[in-house]
């Protein structure tokens, strides 16, 4: 929605949507086509990138180098494994300025954007020169656009461009290593069940044998 509003304000703006993931994102890409995006690109990968923000940033930045963009808009963080680091790493690798927690974007003339972002003590309005990376936070929009059935049918056969993450970044140093495995931590605790006695006697035993030693009460 932020990208669409900026495109409306500029009058002419080519919008490219980029995602890293599997075929499950294809339906969402069709929605973006129906909303007016010019191109949708899906970067396929064989690895699990949920906890690899640096590698995701390396893939995004390499795509942007090959297909230059005036501005890179990202979300704040993913719902799974989201560290909020991907937009910052992307800006670092590209050498672009980065503004996070953006709430509104406006064209500022002379190849610049005016960005309103949230801070602890209120909103901050900054002007940044393009190209740049902007991480969109909780934008205060009263509505999000929904494509009509006519628009969906018109764009239904429009293909999503697919490329491989491994082709973009075939080799990378150790700090970009992919996630290999996840294991659940054993959180079981030993338990003592007090069966005998009245409620008062059980409470007294609980205090004497378990709570009092931990409290170090004389």
C-alpha atoms as a PDB file:
ATOM      1  CA  UNK A   1       0.000   0.000   0.000  1.00  0.00           C
ATOM      2  CA  UNK A   2       2.872   2.378   0.767  1.00  0.00           C
ATOM      3  CA  UNK A   3       4.413   1.689  -2.646  1.00  0.00           C
ATOM      4  CA  UNK A   4       1.070   2.163  -4.411  1.00  0.00           C
ATOM      5  CA  UNK A   5       0.437   5.492  -2.679  1.00  0.00           C
ATOM      6  CA  UNK A   6       3.893   6.716  -3.619  1.00  0.00           C
ATOM      7  CA  UNK A   7       3.297   5.640  -7.227  1.00  0.00           C
ATOM      8  CA  UNK A   8      -0.014   7.547  -7.251  1.00  0.00           C
ATOM      9  CA  UNK A   9       1.730  10.674  -5.982  1.00  0.00           C
ATOM     10  CA  UNK A  10       4.513  10.467  -8.567  1.00  0.00           C
ATOM     11  CA  UNK A  11       2.139   9.843 -11.435  1.00  0.00           C
ATOM     12  CA  UNK A  12       4.496   7.420 -13.187  1.00  0.00           C
ATOM     13  CA  UNK A  13       6.436   4.862 -11.195  1.00  0.00           C
ATOM     14  CA  UNK A  14       7.423   1.301 -12.079  1.00  0.00           C
ATOM     15  CA  UNK A  15       6.758  -1.063  -9.168  1.00  0.00           C
ATOM     16  CA  UNK A  16       8.571  -4.384  -8.773  1.00  0.00           C
ATOM     17  CA  UNK A  17       7.618  -6.827  -6.006  1.00  0.00           C
ATOM     18  CA  UNK A  18      10.339  -9.177  -4.787  1.00  0.00           C
ATOM     19  CA  UNK A  19       9.997 -12.144  -2.441  1.00  0.00           C
ATOM     20  CA  UNK A  20      12.291 -14.966  -1.356  1.00  0.00           C
ATOM     21  CA  UNK A  21      10.446 -18.237  -0.944  1.00  0.00           C
ATOM     22  CA  UNK A  22       8.571 -21.124  -2.501  1.00  0.00           C
ATOM     23  CA  UNK A  23       5.564 -21.425  -4.760  1.00  0.00           C
ATOM     24  CA  UNK A  24       3.194 -20.680  -1.859  1.00  0.00           C
ATOM     25  CA  UNK A  25       3.717 -16.965  -2.575  1.00  0.00           C
ATOM     26  CA  UNK A  26       2.443 -17.197  -6.169  1.00  0.00           C
ATOM     27  CA  UNK A  27      -1.166 -16.326  -5.255  1.00  0.00           C
ATOM     28  CA  UNK A  28      -0.056 -13.218  -3.402  1.00  0.00           C
ATOM     29  CA  UNK A  29       2.020 -12.165  -6.402  1.00  0.00           C
ATOM     30  CA  UNK A  30      -1.110 -12.378  -8.568  1.00  0.00           C
ATOM     31  CA  UNK A  31      -2.819 -10.057  -6.099  1.00  0.00           C
ATOM     32  CA  UNK A  32       0.007  -7.526  -6.470  1.00  0.00           C
ATOM     33  CA  UNK A  33      -0.264  -7.696 -10.267  1.00  0.00           C
ATOM     34  CA  UNK A  34      -3.989  -6.997  -9.962  1.00  0.00           C
ATOM     35  CA  UNK A  35      -3.261  -4.005  -7.707  1.00  0.00           C
ATOM     36  CA  UNK A  36      -0.992  -2.427 -10.313  1.00  0.00           C
ATOM     37  CA  UNK A  37       2.516  -3.748  -9.767  1.00  0.00           C
ATOM     38  CA  UNK A  38       4.453  -3.930 -13.036  1.00  0.00           C
ATOM     39  CA  UNK A  39       6.596  -6.963 -12.235  1.00  0.00           C
ATOM     40  CA  UNK A  40       6.677  -9.675  -9.572  1.00  0.00           C
ATOM     41  CA  UNK A  41       9.840 -11.648  -8.898  1.00  0.00           C
ATOM     42  CA  UNK A  42      10.206 -14.739  -6.733  1.00  0.00           C
ATOM     43  CA  UNK A  43      13.687 -15.816  -5.663  1.00  0.00           C
ATOM     44  CA  UNK A  44      13.622 -19.550  -5.113  1.00  0.00           C
ATOM     45  CA  UNK A  45      15.955 -21.189  -2.619  1.00  0.00           C
ATOM     46  CA  UNK A  46      16.709 -24.685  -1.399  1.00  0.00           C
ATOM     47  CA  UNK A  47      17.689 -23.529   2.095  1.00  0.00           C
ATOM     48  CA  UNK A  48      15.761 -22.410   5.152  1.00  0.00           C
ATOM     49  CA  UNK A  49      16.325 -18.651   5.364  1.00  0.00           C
ATOM     50  CA  UNK A  50      14.045 -17.870   8.314  1.00  0.00           C
ATOM     51  CA  UNK A  51      17.010 -17.259  10.624  1.00  0.00           C
ATOM     52  CA  UNK A  52      19.498 -16.014   8.011  1.00  0.00           C
ATOM     53  CA  UNK A  53      18.870 -12.258   7.627  1.00  0.00           C
ATOM     54  CA  UNK A  54      22.382 -11.658   6.319  1.00  0.00           C
ATOM     55  CA  UNK A  55      21.996 -14.174   3.519  1.00  0.00           C
ATOM     56  CA  UNK A  56      18.579 -12.803   2.583  1.00  0.00           C
ATOM     57  CA  UNK A  57      20.119  -9.332   2.469  1.00  0.00           C
ATOM     58  CA  UNK A  58      22.945 -10.637   0.270  1.00  0.00           C
ATOM     59  CA  UNK A  59      20.422 -12.117  -2.179  1.00  0.00           C
ATOM     60  CA  UNK A  60      18.282  -8.948  -2.259  1.00  0.00           C
ATOM     61  CA  UNK A  61      21.253  -6.638  -2.671  1.00  0.00           C
ATOM     62  CA  UNK A  62      22.680  -8.740  -5.513  1.00  0.00           C
ATOM     63  CA  UNK A  63      19.334  -8.639  -7.314  1.00  0.00           C
ATOM     64  CA  UNK A  64      19.219  -4.838  -6.889  1.00  0.00           C
ATOM     65  CA  UNK A  65      22.747  -4.553  -8.292  1.00  0.00           C
ATOM     66  CA  UNK A  66      21.698  -6.503 -11.369  1.00  0.00           C
ATOM     67  CA  UNK A  67      18.316  -4.749 -11.639  1.00  0.00           C
ATOM     68  CA  UNK A  68      18.871  -1.238 -10.211  1.00  0.00           C
ATOM     69  CA  UNK A  69      15.965   0.273  -8.268  1.00  0.00           C
ATOM     70  CA  UNK A  70      15.428   3.873  -7.178  1.00  0.00           C
ATOM     71  CA  UNK A  71      14.200   2.780  -3.754  1.00  0.00           C
ATOM     72  CA  UNK A  72      13.958  -0.511  -1.880  1.00  0.00           C
ATOM     73  CA  UNK A  73      10.932  -0.828   0.415  1.00  0.00           C
ATOM     74  CA  UNK A  74      10.839  -3.679   2.896  1.00  0.00           C
ATOM     75  CA  UNK A  75       8.685  -4.765   5.781  1.00  0.00           C
ATOM     76  CA  UNK A  76       9.877  -4.273   9.336  1.00  0.00           C
ATOM     77  CA  UNK A  77      10.392  -7.982  10.028  1.00  0.00           C
ATOM     78  CA  UNK A  78       8.927 -11.389   9.267  1.00  0.00           C
ATOM     79  CA  UNK A  79       6.487 -13.168  11.540  1.00  0.00           C
ATOM     80  CA  UNK A  80       8.722 -16.266  11.764  1.00  0.00           C
ATOM     81  CA  UNK A  81      12.341 -15.839  12.774  1.00  0.00           C
ATOM     82  CA  UNK A  82      12.037 -12.106  12.158  1.00  0.00           C
ATOM     83  CA  UNK A  83      14.976 -10.204  13.607  1.00  0.00           C
ATOM     84  CA  UNK A  84      14.362  -6.899  11.822  1.00  0.00           C
ATOM     85  CA  UNK A  85      17.934  -7.012  10.506  1.00  0.00           C
ATOM     86  CA  UNK A  86      17.369  -7.758   6.802  1.00  0.00           C
ATOM     87  CA  UNK A  87      16.679  -4.160   5.655  1.00  0.00           C
ATOM     88  CA  UNK A  88      19.678  -2.877   7.633  1.00  0.00           C
ATOM     89  CA  UNK A  89      22.006  -5.526   6.187  1.00  0.00           C
ATOM     90  CA  UNK A  90      20.636  -4.849   2.688  1.00  0.00           C
ATOM     91  CA  UNK A  91      21.374  -1.134   2.992  1.00  0.00           C
ATOM     92  CA  UNK A  92      24.853  -1.875   4.325  1.00  0.00           C
ATOM     93  CA  UNK A  93      25.695  -4.213   1.437  1.00  0.00           C
ATOM     94  CA  UNK A  94      24.374  -1.761  -1.148  1.00  0.00           C
ATOM     95  CA  UNK A  95      25.933   1.290   0.494  1.00  0.00           C
ATOM     96  CA  UNK A  96      22.499   2.985   0.647  1.00  0.00           C
ATOM     97  CA  UNK A  97      21.077   5.096   3.466  1.00  0.00           C
ATOM     98  CA  UNK A  98      18.387   3.297   5.476  1.00  0.00           C
ATOM     99  CA  UNK A  99      15.364   4.609   7.371  1.00  0.00           C
ATOM    100  CA  UNK A 100      13.373   2.217   9.563  1.00  0.00           C
ATOM    101  CA  UNK A 101       9.848   2.244  11.046  1.00  0.00           C
ATOM    102  CA  UNK A 102       8.559   4.432   8.203  1.00  0.00           C
ATOM    103  CA  UNK A 103       4.908   5.445   8.381  1.00  0.00           C
ATOM    104  CA  UNK A 104       4.553   7.577   5.266  1.00  0.00           C
ATOM    105  CA  UNK A 105       6.524   8.352   2.087  1.00  0.00           C
ATOM    106  CA  UNK A 106       6.294  11.420  -0.117  1.00  0.00           C
ATOM    107  CA  UNK A 107       8.219  12.614  -3.155  1.00  0.00           C
ATOM    108  CA  UNK A 108      10.442  15.555  -2.188  1.00  0.00           C
ATOM    109  CA  UNK A 109      11.805  16.557  -5.607  1.00  0.00           C
ATOM    110  CA  UNK A 110      15.410  16.466  -6.844  1.00  0.00           C
ATOM    111  CA  UNK A 111      15.495  12.671  -6.640  1.00  0.00           C
ATOM    112  CA  UNK A 112      14.605  12.636  -2.936  1.00  0.00           C
ATOM    113  CA  UNK A 113      12.003  11.125  -0.626  1.00  0.00           C
ATOM    114  CA  UNK A 114      10.448  12.615   2.490  1.00  0.00           C
ATOM    115  CA  UNK A 115       9.993   9.873   5.075  1.00  0.00           C
ATOM    116  CA  UNK A 116       7.951  10.142   8.260  1.00  0.00           C
ATOM    117  CA  UNK A 117       9.000   7.506  10.762  1.00  0.00           C
ATOM    118  CA  UNK A 118       8.204   6.621  14.349  1.00  0.00           C
ATOM    119  CA  UNK A 119      10.581   7.245  17.253  1.00  0.00           C
ATOM    120  CA  UNK A 120      10.372   6.891  21.034  1.00  0.00           C
ATOM    121  CA  UNK A 121       9.663  10.598  21.531  1.00  0.00           C
ATOM    122  CA  UNK A 122       7.364  11.089  18.530  1.00  0.00           C
ATOM    123  CA  UNK A 123       7.476  11.165  14.752  1.00  0.00           C
ATOM    124  CA  UNK A 124      10.551  12.176  12.757  1.00  0.00           C
ATOM    125  CA  UNK A 125      10.387  13.620   9.230  1.00  0.00           C
ATOM    126  CA  UNK A 126      13.555  13.084   7.217  1.00  0.00           C
ATOM    127  CA  UNK A 127      14.526  13.774   3.610  1.00  0.00           C
ATOM    128  CA  UNK A 128      16.707  11.110   2.027  1.00  0.00           C
ATOM    129  CA  UNK A 129      18.384  11.057  -1.363  1.00  0.00           C
ATOM    130  CA  UNK A 130      17.713   8.151  -3.708  1.00  0.00           C
ATOM    131  CA  UNK A 131      18.628   5.345  -3.970  1.00  0.00           C
ATOM    132  CA  UNK A 132      17.797   4.255  -0.427  1.00  0.00           C
ATOM    133  CA  UNK A 133      16.307   1.471   1.670  1.00  0.00           C
ATOM    134  CA  UNK A 134      13.134   2.196   3.644  1.00  0.00           C
ATOM    135  CA  UNK A 135      11.721  -0.262   6.175  1.00  0.00           C
ATOM    136  CA  UNK A 136       7.977   0.317   6.533  1.00  0.00           C
ATOM    137  CA  UNK A 137       6.574  -0.084  10.037  1.00  0.00           C
ATOM    138  CA  UNK A 138       3.018   0.468  11.301  1.00  0.00           C
ATOM    139  CA  UNK A 139       1.765   2.747   8.545  1.00  0.00           C
ATOM    140  CA  UNK A 140      -1.382   4.602   9.609  1.00  0.00           C
ATOM    141  CA  UNK A 141      -3.656   3.821   6.661  1.00  0.00           C
ATOM    142  CA  UNK A 142      -7.412   3.668   7.083  1.00  0.00           C
ATOM    143  CA  UNK A 143      -7.718   1.082   4.306  1.00  0.00           C
ATOM    144  CA  UNK A 144      -5.687  -1.324   2.168  1.00  0.00           C
ATOM    145  CA  UNK A 145      -6.594  -1.766  -1.470  1.00  0.00           C
ATOM    146  CA  UNK A 146      -8.339  -4.934  -2.585  1.00  0.00           C
ATOM    147  CA  UNK A 147      -8.267  -5.804  -6.302  1.00  0.00           C
ATOM    148  CA  UNK A 148     -11.538  -6.308  -8.112  1.00  0.00           C
ATOM    149  CA  UNK A 149     -12.459  -9.601  -9.740  1.00  0.00           C
ATOM    150  CA  UNK A 150     -12.059  -7.924 -13.134  1.00  0.00           C
ATOM    151  CA  UNK A 151      -8.498  -6.876 -12.291  1.00  0.00           C
ATOM    152  CA  UNK A 152      -7.678 -10.378 -11.030  1.00  0.00           C
ATOM    153  CA  UNK A 153      -8.976 -11.987 -14.213  1.00  0.00           C
ATOM    154  CA  UNK A 154      -7.090  -9.519 -16.368  1.00  0.00           C
ATOM    155  CA  UNK A 155      -3.786 -10.327 -14.636  1.00  0.00           C
ATOM    156  CA  UNK A 156      -4.459 -13.990 -13.854  1.00  0.00           C
ATOM    157  CA  UNK A 157      -2.085 -15.331 -16.511  1.00  0.00           C
ATOM    158  CA  UNK A 158       0.679 -12.826 -15.898  1.00  0.00           C
ATOM    159  CA  UNK A 159       3.761 -14.889 -14.929  1.00  0.00           C
ATOM    160  CA  UNK A 160       5.952 -14.351 -11.899  1.00  0.00           C
ATOM    161  CA  UNK A 161       9.617 -14.160 -12.803  1.00  0.00           C
ATOM    162  CA  UNK A 162      11.608 -16.818 -10.939  1.00  0.00           C
ATOM    163  CA  UNK A 163      15.336 -16.896 -10.276  1.00  0.00           C
ATOM    164  CA  UNK A 164      17.532 -18.875  -7.916  1.00  0.00           C
ATOM    165  CA  UNK A 165      19.084 -17.504  -4.739  1.00  0.00           C
ATOM    166  CA  UNK A 166      22.050 -19.811  -5.285  1.00  0.00           C
ATOM    167  CA  UNK A 167      22.584 -18.303  -8.756  1.00  0.00           C
ATOM    168  CA  UNK A 168      22.574 -14.785  -7.343  1.00  0.00           C
ATOM    169  CA  UNK A 169      24.857 -15.625  -4.400  1.00  0.00           C
ATOM    170  CA  UNK A 170      26.608 -18.915  -5.308  1.00  0.00           C
ATOM    171  CA  UNK A 171      29.147 -18.726  -2.507  1.00  0.00           C
ATOM    172  CA  UNK A 172      29.338 -16.723   0.698  1.00  0.00           C
ATOM    173  CA  UNK A 173      31.557 -16.433   3.766  1.00  0.00           C
ATOM    174  CA  UNK A 174      30.895 -18.168   7.051  1.00  0.00           C
ATOM    175  CA  UNK A 175      28.846 -15.395   8.596  1.00  0.00           C
ATOM    176  CA  UNK A 176      26.255 -15.914   5.857  1.00  0.00           C
ATOM    177  CA  UNK A 177      25.846 -19.624   6.580  1.00  0.00           C
ATOM    178  CA  UNK A 178      22.372 -21.069   6.209  1.00  0.00           C
ATOM    179  CA  UNK A 179      20.362 -22.641   8.988  1.00  0.00           C
ATOM    180  CA  UNK A 180      21.076 -26.375   9.053  1.00  0.00           C
ATOM    181  CA  UNK A 181      18.828 -27.665  11.821  1.00  0.00           C
ATOM    182  CA  UNK A 182      16.542 -26.751  14.712  1.00  0.00           C
ATOM    183  CA  UNK A 183      16.124 -28.763  17.899  1.00  0.00           C
ATOM    184  CA  UNK A 184      13.618 -28.326  20.711  1.00  0.00           C
ATOM    185  CA  UNK A 185      15.148 -27.656  24.108  1.00  0.00           C
ATOM    186  CA  UNK A 186      14.183 -30.147  26.818  1.00  0.00           C
ATOM    187  CA  UNK A 187      12.242 -28.074  29.342  1.00  0.00           C
ATOM    188  CA  UNK A 188      10.978 -30.916  31.536  1.00  0.00           C
ATOM    189  CA  UNK A 189      11.175 -30.392  35.286  1.00  0.00           C
ATOM    190  CA  UNK A 190      11.253 -32.882  38.133  1.00  0.00           C
ATOM    191  CA  UNK A 191       8.019 -32.973  40.117  1.00  0.00           C
ATOM    192  CA  UNK A 192       7.090 -34.079  43.625  1.00  0.00           C
ATOM    193  CA  UNK A 193       3.401 -34.720  44.276  1.00  0.00           C
ATOM    194  CA  UNK A 194       2.263 -34.404  47.908  1.00  0.00           C
ATOM    195  CA  UNK A 195      -0.605 -36.838  48.477  1.00  0.00           C
ATOM    196  CA  UNK A 196      -0.888 -37.241  52.272  1.00  0.00           C
ATOM    197  CA  UNK A 197      -2.307 -34.751  54.735  1.00  0.00           C
ATOM    198  CA  UNK A 198      -4.817 -31.941  54.832  1.00  0.00           C
ATOM    199  CA  UNK A 199      -4.490 -28.828  52.698  1.00  0.00           C
ATOM    200  CA  UNK A 200      -2.874 -27.002  55.643  1.00  0.00           C
ATOM    201  CA  UNK A 201      -0.394 -29.842  56.236  1.00  0.00           C
ATOM    202  CA  UNK A 202       0.479 -29.962  52.517  1.00  0.00           C
ATOM    203  CA  UNK A 203       1.067 -26.218  52.483  1.00  0.00           C
ATOM    204  CA  UNK A 204       3.300 -26.452  55.565  1.00  0.00           C
ATOM    205  CA  UNK A 205       5.346 -29.269  54.010  1.00  0.00           C
ATOM    206  CA  UNK A 206       5.648 -27.337  50.747  1.00  0.00           C
ATOM    207  CA  UNK A 207       7.004 -24.376  52.677  1.00  0.00           C
ATOM    208  CA  UNK A 208       9.349 -26.332  54.954  1.00  0.00           C
ATOM    209  CA  UNK A 209      10.848 -28.639  52.334  1.00  0.00           C
ATOM    210  CA  UNK A 210      10.879 -26.537  49.168  1.00  0.00           C
ATOM    211  CA  UNK A 211      10.244 -22.815  49.649  1.00  0.00           C
ATOM    212  CA  UNK A 212      12.072 -22.098  52.876  1.00  0.00           C
ATOM    213  CA  UNK A 213      15.473 -23.460  51.701  1.00  0.00           C
ATOM    214  CA  UNK A 214      15.288 -21.297  48.604  1.00  0.00           C
ATOM    215  CA  UNK A 215      14.313 -18.213  50.589  1.00  0.00           C
ATOM    216  CA  UNK A 216      17.124 -18.777  53.056  1.00  0.00           C
ATOM    217  CA  UNK A 217      14.862 -17.818  55.968  1.00  0.00           C
ATOM    218  CA  UNK A 218      16.307 -18.546  59.465  1.00  0.00           C
END
